[in-house]
């Protein structure tokens, strides 16, 4: 009787054994082998006609991608979905809060520009986050305002910056803010030397600081067609609660090496010859005789008339008079602005232009001081409250004024 199991006869010894998976592999083509032995098509010089791309396949891919994305999201645990939703909601809330903040800053800047008659809207920075909760509470902790180029009398303030605290908002929402009430404010004003040189230095006068409260003015000033070197010292001080004033002193105009003009009526003010000019007068007989020929000058010199008459007749007597050590100092002490105007020939002999002296006579001390004054008044702020200057200092970049305020109101 035969066994129910089929007995497999082993292959004869002359035929080697082969793995059946290797046989299956032989039935499939080798892609690497096909690539290496692939025949390259001949290149056709004529380009193939252009055909529009088919986007339907890409659309199907994108649709499948969105479908897979939704499937993935639906496959997330409930807790993960809640976290994602919370993050999305937080992002939208933060975006809305920032939009409301920017809107409020813009509206505040426009109201300040309108009420203060500014040429440009100031920069308003409302601090604190979130902003909407502050609006609902109708109170903001801190607001910074920066106003560039504020007109103040004859000069422009380079920058006015202030920080307001304890700010009460007037309005029901971020889009209906009507104004604000400021509990306290601190700020500072900068009057830069660069602006002063541009606005007051049309005559090529430059301003620099020296010490804590002094400003030096140096440069040239045109008078009757002549460029005269100008020097002045301005002392800065507070003037009331809203302004600063300058006490201009040490003013002088130098006419080359001939003379120096100091406006005023004091003894050392007026037009005086320099030492080199006085030495030339003493050494040159023609200039000495021209000077001694004016009775008003002789009277101011204090020389007896008899001595002057002999000096005009004799060169020896003239040398004796002009050679004394006192003569040069007396000539330098003469104020030529009021005694030589009627003697143009004398002025020409001394090397001075009569038109120049006429222009100097019109350049009085108040006129010259007004040209160099740095005084200004802060613009009056609208609404209630007060702003007062606290401290004035001179720094390298300009004049810095610190101020405080309280009870200020803007808008409705």
Protein backbone atom coordinates (compact mmCIF):
# COMPACT_ATOMS: atom_id res chain seq x y z
CA UNK A 1 0.00 0.00 0.00
CA UNK A 2 1.29 3.41 -0.97
CA UNK A 3 1.98 6.10 1.63
CA UNK A 4 -0.45 9.06 1.54
CA UNK A 5 2.51 11.48 1.46
CA UNK A 6 4.27 12.18 -1.77
CA UNK A 7 7.96 11.41 -1.65
CA UNK A 8 10.13 14.04 -3.44
CA UNK A 9 13.01 12.49 -5.19
CA UNK A 10 16.22 14.51 -4.76
CA UNK A 11 17.80 15.87 -7.93
CA UNK A 12 20.40 13.79 -9.57
CA UNK A 13 23.95 14.52 -8.49
CA UNK A 14 24.92 16.07 -11.87
CA UNK A 15 22.29 18.93 -11.57
CA UNK A 16 23.12 21.52 -8.79
CA UNK A 17 20.50 22.82 -6.34
CA UNK A 18 19.06 26.34 -6.92
CA UNK A 19 17.05 28.57 -4.55
CA UNK A 20 13.49 29.14 -5.90
CA UNK A 21 13.60 32.86 -4.86
CA UNK A 22 16.53 33.28 -7.17
CA UNK A 23 14.45 31.93 -9.97
CA UNK A 24 11.69 34.41 -9.28
CA UNK A 25 14.23 37.16 -9.27
CA UNK A 26 15.45 36.09 -12.68
CA UNK A 27 11.97 36.48 -14.07
CA UNK A 28 11.86 40.22 -13.16
CA UNK A 29 13.98 42.65 -15.19
CA UNK A 30 16.90 44.37 -13.47
CA UNK A 31 16.23 48.16 -13.60
CA UNK A 32 19.88 49.04 -13.06
CA UNK A 33 20.91 46.80 -15.89
CA UNK A 34 18.30 48.38 -18.18
CA UNK A 35 19.50 51.85 -17.27
CA UNK A 36 23.14 51.02 -18.02
CA UNK A 37 22.34 49.42 -21.37
CA UNK A 38 19.61 51.86 -22.41
CA UNK A 39 20.18 53.22 -25.87
CA UNK A 40 20.36 57.02 -25.99
CA UNK A 41 17.92 58.55 -28.49
CA UNK A 42 19.41 60.60 -31.23
CA UNK A 43 19.12 64.35 -30.64
CA UNK A 44 16.83 66.20 -32.93
CA UNK A 45 18.03 69.71 -33.71
CA UNK A 46 14.49 70.92 -34.21
CA UNK A 47 12.85 71.66 -30.87
CA UNK A 48 9.64 69.84 -30.00
CA UNK A 49 6.52 71.98 -30.09
CA UNK A 50 5.49 73.47 -26.74
CA UNK A 51 2.49 72.03 -25.01
CA UNK A 52 0.78 73.52 -21.95
CA UNK A 53 1.51 71.77 -18.64
CA UNK A 54 -1.10 69.51 -17.15
CA UNK A 55 -1.96 70.75 -13.64
CA UNK A 56 -4.71 68.31 -12.98
CA UNK A 57 -2.29 65.76 -11.63
CA UNK A 58 -0.78 68.31 -9.23
CA UNK A 59 -4.26 69.36 -8.12
CA UNK A 60 -5.13 65.78 -7.42
CA UNK A 61 -1.92 65.48 -5.39
CA UNK A 62 -2.74 68.61 -3.38
CA UNK A 63 -6.26 67.39 -2.79
CA UNK A 64 -4.92 64.09 -1.60
CA UNK A 65 -2.42 66.02 0.62
CA UNK A 66 -5.20 68.08 2.21
CA UNK A 67 -7.22 64.98 2.69
CA UNK A 68 -4.33 63.26 4.39
CA UNK A 69 -3.79 66.40 6.59
CA UNK A 70 -7.42 66.35 7.71
CA UNK A 71 -7.17 62.68 8.34
CA UNK A 72 -4.08 63.18 10.48
CA UNK A 73 -5.78 65.98 12.48
CA UNK A 74 -8.88 63.83 13.00
CA UNK A 75 -6.59 61.08 14.20
CA UNK A 76 -5.07 63.26 16.95
CA UNK A 77 -6.10 62.69 20.55
CA UNK A 78 -8.69 65.04 22.02
CA UNK A 79 -6.14 66.72 24.32
CA UNK A 80 -3.84 67.49 21.39
CA UNK A 81 -6.75 69.00 19.46
CA UNK A 82 -7.55 71.23 22.41
CA UNK A 83 -3.94 72.45 22.62
CA UNK A 84 -3.90 73.27 18.90
CA UNK A 85 -7.20 75.14 19.16
CA UNK A 86 -5.93 77.08 22.18
CA UNK A 87 -2.76 78.08 20.35
CA UNK A 88 -4.73 79.27 17.31
CA UNK A 89 -7.13 81.27 19.50
CA UNK A 90 -4.23 82.83 21.41
CA UNK A 91 -2.56 83.86 18.17
CA UNK A 92 -5.73 85.53 16.94
CA UNK A 93 -6.24 87.31 20.26
CA UNK A 94 -2.63 88.57 20.25
CA UNK A 95 -3.05 89.76 16.68
CA UNK A 96 -6.25 91.57 17.54
CA UNK A 97 -4.63 93.13 20.61
CA UNK A 98 -1.69 94.42 18.54
CA UNK A 99 -4.06 95.83 15.92
CA UNK A 100 -6.05 97.68 18.59
CA UNK A 101 -2.78 99.01 20.08
CA UNK A 102 -1.52 100.32 16.74
CA UNK A 103 -4.88 101.93 16.05
CA UNK A 104 -4.92 103.65 19.44
CA UNK A 105 -1.33 104.91 19.00
CA UNK A 106 -2.18 106.30 15.57
CA UNK A 107 -5.29 108.08 16.84
CA UNK A 108 -3.38 109.53 19.82
CA UNK A 109 -0.64 110.82 17.51
CA UNK A 110 -3.17 112.52 15.24
CA UNK A 111 -4.92 114.20 18.18
CA UNK A 112 -1.61 115.50 19.53
CA UNK A 113 -0.64 116.81 16.10
CA UNK A 114 -3.94 118.65 15.78
CA UNK A 115 -4.06 120.15 19.26
CA UNK A 116 -0.38 121.19 19.38
CA UNK A 117 -0.31 122.49 15.78
CA UNK A 118 2.62 120.24 14.87
CA UNK A 119 3.97 119.90 11.35
CA UNK A 120 4.20 116.11 11.71
CA UNK A 121 2.49 113.55 13.91
CA UNK A 122 4.53 112.57 16.99
CA UNK A 123 5.60 109.05 17.82
CA UNK A 124 3.36 107.48 20.46
CA UNK A 125 4.31 104.25 22.23
CA UNK A 126 1.75 102.73 24.62
CA UNK A 127 3.40 100.19 26.89
CA UNK A 128 1.85 97.16 28.54
CA UNK A 129 0.33 93.89 27.36
CA UNK A 130 -2.40 93.03 26.76
CA UNK A 131 -3.68 96.39 25.63
CA UNK A 132 -7.38 95.53 25.43
CA UNK A 133 -7.55 94.76 29.14
CA UNK A 134 -6.12 98.23 29.85
CA UNK A 135 -8.74 99.77 27.59
CA UNK A 136 -11.50 97.92 29.42
CA UNK A 137 -10.04 99.17 32.69
CA UNK A 138 -9.74 102.69 31.12
CA UNK A 139 -6.23 103.09 32.50
CA UNK A 140 -2.75 102.80 30.95
CA UNK A 141 0.38 102.49 33.05
CA UNK A 142 2.86 104.28 30.77
CA UNK A 143 2.84 106.16 27.45
CA UNK A 144 5.94 107.53 25.72
CA UNK A 145 5.66 110.44 23.28
CA UNK A 146 8.45 111.79 21.06
CA UNK A 147 7.96 114.97 19.05
CA UNK A 148 10.72 116.00 16.60
CA UNK A 149 11.29 119.54 15.31
CA UNK A 150 9.01 121.63 17.51
CA UNK A 151 8.96 125.33 16.65
CA UNK A 152 9.85 127.52 19.64
CA UNK A 153 10.12 131.20 18.74
CA UNK A 154 13.20 131.74 16.53
CA UNK A 155 14.63 128.24 16.92
CA UNK A 156 13.42 124.67 16.53
CA UNK A 157 13.65 122.15 19.32
CA UNK A 158 15.39 119.08 17.93
CA UNK A 159 13.37 116.69 20.08
CA UNK A 160 10.77 116.81 22.82
CA UNK A 161 10.29 113.47 24.56
CA UNK A 162 8.00 112.72 27.50
CA UNK A 163 6.84 109.72 29.50
CA UNK A 164 3.34 109.91 30.96
CA UNK A 165 2.20 107.70 33.82
CA UNK A 166 -1.17 107.13 35.47
CA UNK A 167 -3.04 107.75 32.21
CA UNK A 168 -6.83 107.60 32.25
CA UNK A 169 -8.45 106.75 28.89
CA UNK A 170 -11.59 108.62 27.81
CA UNK A 171 -13.71 106.31 25.67
CA UNK A 172 -15.52 102.99 25.68
CA UNK A 173 -13.36 100.90 23.34
CA UNK A 174 -10.16 100.83 21.31
CA UNK A 175 -11.87 102.42 18.31
CA UNK A 176 -13.71 105.07 20.31
CA UNK A 177 -10.94 106.63 22.38
CA UNK A 178 -11.74 110.33 22.69
CA UNK A 179 -8.79 111.50 24.77
CA UNK A 180 -6.77 110.95 27.91
CA UNK A 181 -5.96 112.49 31.26
CA UNK A 182 -2.34 112.32 32.43
CA UNK A 183 -1.61 112.10 36.12
CA UNK A 184 2.14 112.76 35.92
CA UNK A 185 4.70 113.40 33.21
CA UNK A 186 8.47 113.68 32.95
CA UNK A 187 10.36 114.67 29.84
CA UNK A 188 13.22 116.57 28.30
CA UNK A 189 13.83 119.03 25.49
CA UNK A 190 16.94 119.08 23.30
CA UNK A 191 18.03 122.22 21.50
CA UNK A 192 20.87 120.92 19.34
CA UNK A 193 23.87 123.02 18.34
CA UNK A 194 23.51 121.63 14.83
CA UNK A 195 20.06 123.25 14.52
CA UNK A 196 21.33 126.48 16.08
CA UNK A 197 24.18 126.65 13.59
CA UNK A 198 21.71 126.17 10.74
CA UNK A 199 18.99 128.55 11.96
CA UNK A 200 21.02 131.29 13.66
CA UNK A 201 24.32 130.74 11.88
CA UNK A 202 23.36 132.21 8.52
CA UNK A 203 26.32 134.52 9.06
CA UNK A 204 28.63 131.51 9.55
CA UNK A 205 28.45 131.61 13.33
CA UNK A 206 28.80 128.29 15.16
CA UNK A 207 27.74 127.45 18.72
CA UNK A 208 29.56 125.12 21.09
CA UNK A 209 29.11 124.30 24.75
CA UNK A 210 31.48 125.13 27.56
CA UNK A 211 30.86 124.11 31.12
CA UNK A 212 27.41 123.43 32.50
CA UNK A 213 25.63 126.64 31.51
CA UNK A 214 27.73 128.50 28.92
CA UNK A 215 27.61 128.51 25.12
CA UNK A 216 30.32 130.03 22.92
CA UNK A 217 29.53 131.73 19.61
CA UNK A 218 32.38 131.96 17.11
CA UNK A 219 32.46 132.78 13.42
CA UNK A 220 32.09 135.68 11.01
CA UNK A 221 29.47 138.38 10.60
CA UNK A 222 29.04 140.50 7.44
CA UNK A 223 28.96 144.26 8.10
CA UNK A 224 28.98 146.82 5.26
CA UNK A 225 30.57 144.34 2.87
CA UNK A 226 33.24 143.23 5.34
CA UNK A 227 33.40 139.82 7.06
CA UNK A 228 34.21 140.52 10.70
CA UNK A 229 35.21 137.86 13.20
CA UNK A 230 32.55 137.59 15.91
CA UNK A 231 32.98 136.28 19.45
CA UNK A 232 30.31 136.06 22.13
CA UNK A 233 29.55 134.12 25.30
CA UNK A 234 26.00 133.15 26.20
CA UNK A 235 25.04 132.10 29.70
CA UNK A 236 21.96 129.86 29.77
CA UNK A 237 19.40 130.14 32.55
CA UNK A 238 15.78 129.25 33.19
CA UNK A 239 13.21 131.95 32.51
CA UNK A 240 9.96 131.27 34.34
CA UNK A 241 8.31 127.85 34.13
CA UNK A 242 8.23 127.45 30.35
CA UNK A 243 11.29 129.15 28.88
CA UNK A 244 15.02 129.69 28.99
CA UNK A 245 16.92 132.93 28.45
CA UNK A 246 20.47 133.75 27.47
CA UNK A 247 22.64 136.52 28.84
CA UNK A 248 24.92 137.43 25.93
CA UNK A 249 28.28 138.80 27.08
CA UNK A 250 31.82 139.21 25.82
CA UNK A 251 30.60 140.30 22.39
CA UNK A 252 33.28 141.57 20.01
CA UNK A 253 33.84 142.05 16.28
CA UNK A 254 37.41 142.02 15.08
CA UNK A 255 38.38 144.06 12.01
CA UNK A 256 41.38 142.01 11.01
CA UNK A 257 44.42 143.29 12.93
CA UNK A 258 43.27 146.92 12.73
CA UNK A 259 40.67 147.29 15.45
CA UNK A 260 38.08 145.59 17.65
CA UNK A 261 34.47 146.65 18.03
CA UNK A 262 32.57 145.93 21.24
CA UNK A 263 28.96 147.16 21.13
CA UNK A 264 27.86 149.23 24.09
CA UNK A 265 28.46 152.54 25.81
CA UNK A 266 30.88 151.55 28.54
CA UNK A 267 34.45 152.75 28.60
CA UNK A 268 35.97 149.59 27.10
CA UNK A 269 33.18 149.23 24.54
CA UNK A 270 33.10 150.83 21.12
CA UNK A 271 35.72 150.76 18.33
CA UNK A 272 39.34 150.56 19.54
CA UNK A 273 42.56 150.23 17.62
CA UNK A 274 44.57 147.10 18.22
CA UNK A 275 48.04 147.33 19.73
CA UNK A 276 49.69 146.75 16.36
CA UNK A 277 47.64 149.60 14.83
CA UNK A 278 48.45 151.92 17.75
CA UNK A 279 52.16 151.09 17.35
CA UNK A 280 51.99 152.00 13.64
CA UNK A 281 50.31 155.31 14.51
CA UNK A 282 53.09 156.10 16.97
CA UNK A 283 55.81 155.22 14.45
CA UNK A 284 54.35 156.79 11.30
CA UNK A 285 54.39 160.58 11.43
CA UNK A 286 51.59 161.00 8.86
CA UNK A 287 49.17 158.86 10.88
CA UNK A 288 50.17 160.54 14.15
CA UNK A 289 49.63 164.03 12.73
CA UNK A 290 46.25 163.01 11.24
CA UNK A 291 45.17 161.74 14.65
CA UNK A 292 46.40 164.82 16.51
CA UNK A 293 44.65 167.11 14.03
CA UNK A 294 41.21 166.19 15.44
CA UNK A 295 40.49 168.33 18.55
CA UNK A 296 38.01 165.82 19.99
CA UNK A 297 40.64 163.08 19.87
CA UNK A 298 43.28 165.34 21.41
CA UNK A 299 40.88 166.17 24.21
CA UNK A 300 40.26 162.46 24.85
CA UNK A 301 43.98 161.77 24.83
CA UNK A 302 44.45 164.41 27.49
CA UNK A 303 47.44 166.01 25.72
CA UNK A 304 47.86 169.77 26.30
CA UNK A 305 47.07 171.86 23.23
CA UNK A 306 50.45 173.57 23.38
CA UNK A 307 52.24 170.23 23.19
CA UNK A 308 50.09 169.19 20.25
CA UNK A 309 50.82 172.45 18.36
CA UNK A 310 54.56 171.99 18.81
CA UNK A 311 54.34 168.33 17.77
CA UNK A 312 52.52 169.25 14.56
CA UNK A 313 55.25 171.77 13.70
CA UNK A 314 58.34 169.78 14.72
CA UNK A 315 59.07 166.12 13.99
CA UNK A 316 61.37 166.01 16.99
CA UNK A 317 58.57 167.15 19.29
CA UNK A 318 56.25 164.69 17.53
CA UNK A 319 58.65 161.81 18.15
CA UNK A 320 59.01 162.90 21.71
CA UNK A 321 55.24 162.83 22.16
CA UNK A 322 54.51 159.60 20.31
CA UNK A 323 57.58 157.84 21.73
CA UNK A 324 56.34 157.97 25.29
CA UNK A 325 55.09 154.59 26.66
CA UNK A 326 51.79 156.16 27.59
CA UNK A 327 50.92 157.34 24.07
CA UNK A 328 50.26 153.85 22.60
CA UNK A 329 48.00 152.91 25.52
CA UNK A 330 46.11 156.20 25.24
CA UNK A 331 45.57 155.66 21.49
CA UNK A 332 44.28 152.14 22.12
CA UNK A 333 41.81 153.56 24.64
CA UNK A 334 40.23 155.90 22.10
CA UNK A 335 36.70 155.06 21.01
CA UNK A 336 36.73 155.96 17.34
CA UNK A 337 33.08 155.17 16.73
CA UNK A 338 31.85 158.53 18.03
CA UNK A 339 34.79 160.89 17.37
CA UNK A 340 35.91 159.89 13.91
CA UNK A 341 32.63 159.66 12.02
CA UNK A 342 32.94 163.27 10.87
CA UNK A 343 36.55 162.79 9.71
CA UNK A 344 36.54 160.27 6.84
CA UNK A 345 40.10 161.28 5.88
CA UNK A 346 41.34 160.26 9.31
CA UNK A 347 39.64 156.89 9.00
CA UNK A 348 41.26 156.30 5.63
CA UNK A 349 44.63 157.26 7.06
CA UNK A 350 44.16 154.68 9.79
CA UNK A 351 43.10 152.05 7.23
CA UNK A 352 39.42 152.02 8.21
CA UNK A 353 36.46 152.12 5.82
CA UNK A 354 34.01 154.93 6.76
CA UNK A 355 31.08 152.79 5.54
CA UNK A 356 32.19 150.06 7.92
CA UNK A 357 32.10 152.41 10.88
CA UNK A 358 28.63 153.53 9.88
CA UNK A 359 27.48 149.91 9.82
CA UNK A 360 29.07 149.28 13.22
CA UNK A 361 27.29 152.31 14.68
CA UNK A 362 23.97 150.73 13.72
CA UNK A 363 25.00 147.36 15.19
CA UNK A 364 24.17 148.20 18.77
CA UNK A 365 24.49 145.81 21.66
CA UNK A 366 20.78 144.81 21.69
CA UNK A 367 20.83 144.21 17.93
CA UNK A 368 23.90 141.99 18.06
CA UNK A 369 22.65 140.19 21.18
CA UNK A 370 19.35 139.49 19.45
CA UNK A 371 21.19 137.88 16.56
CA UNK A 372 22.95 135.49 18.92
CA UNK A 373 20.25 134.84 21.51
CA UNK A 374 19.26 131.23 22.15
CA UNK A 375 16.20 131.96 24.28
CA UNK A 376 12.94 130.12 23.66
CA UNK A 377 9.57 129.36 25.21
CA UNK A 378 7.96 125.94 25.28
CA UNK A 379 4.67 125.79 23.35
CA UNK A 380 1.67 126.04 25.62
CA UNK A 381 -0.06 122.68 25.90
CA UNK A 382 -3.81 122.46 25.41
CA UNK A 383 -6.20 121.63 28.20
CA UNK A 384 -5.69 121.81 31.95
CA UNK A 385 -2.55 121.01 33.87
CA UNK A 386 0.90 122.53 34.09
CA UNK A 387 4.32 121.90 32.54
CA UNK A 388 7.38 123.39 34.21
CA UNK A 389 11.10 123.41 33.38
CA UNK A 390 13.20 121.86 36.11
CA UNK A 391 16.83 121.91 34.98
CA UNK A 392 18.86 123.41 32.13
CA UNK A 393 22.28 122.01 31.21
CA UNK A 394 24.71 122.54 28.37
CA UNK A 395 26.03 119.33 26.87
CA UNK A 396 28.24 118.42 23.93
CA UNK A 397 25.34 117.98 21.52
CA UNK A 398 23.26 120.94 22.66
CA UNK A 399 21.15 122.48 25.41
CA UNK A 400 19.09 119.92 27.33
CA UNK A 401 16.11 120.99 29.42
CA UNK A 402 14.30 118.66 31.80
CA UNK A 403 10.64 119.24 32.52
CA UNK A 404 7.74 117.86 34.55
CA UNK A 405 3.98 118.07 34.23
CA UNK A 406 0.81 117.09 36.06
CA UNK A 407 -2.92 117.07 35.42
CA UNK A 408 -2.60 117.30 31.65
CA UNK A 409 -5.50 116.48 29.36
CA UNK A 410 -5.78 115.74 25.65
CA UNK A 411 -8.72 115.12 23.40
CA UNK A 412 -12.21 115.00 24.76
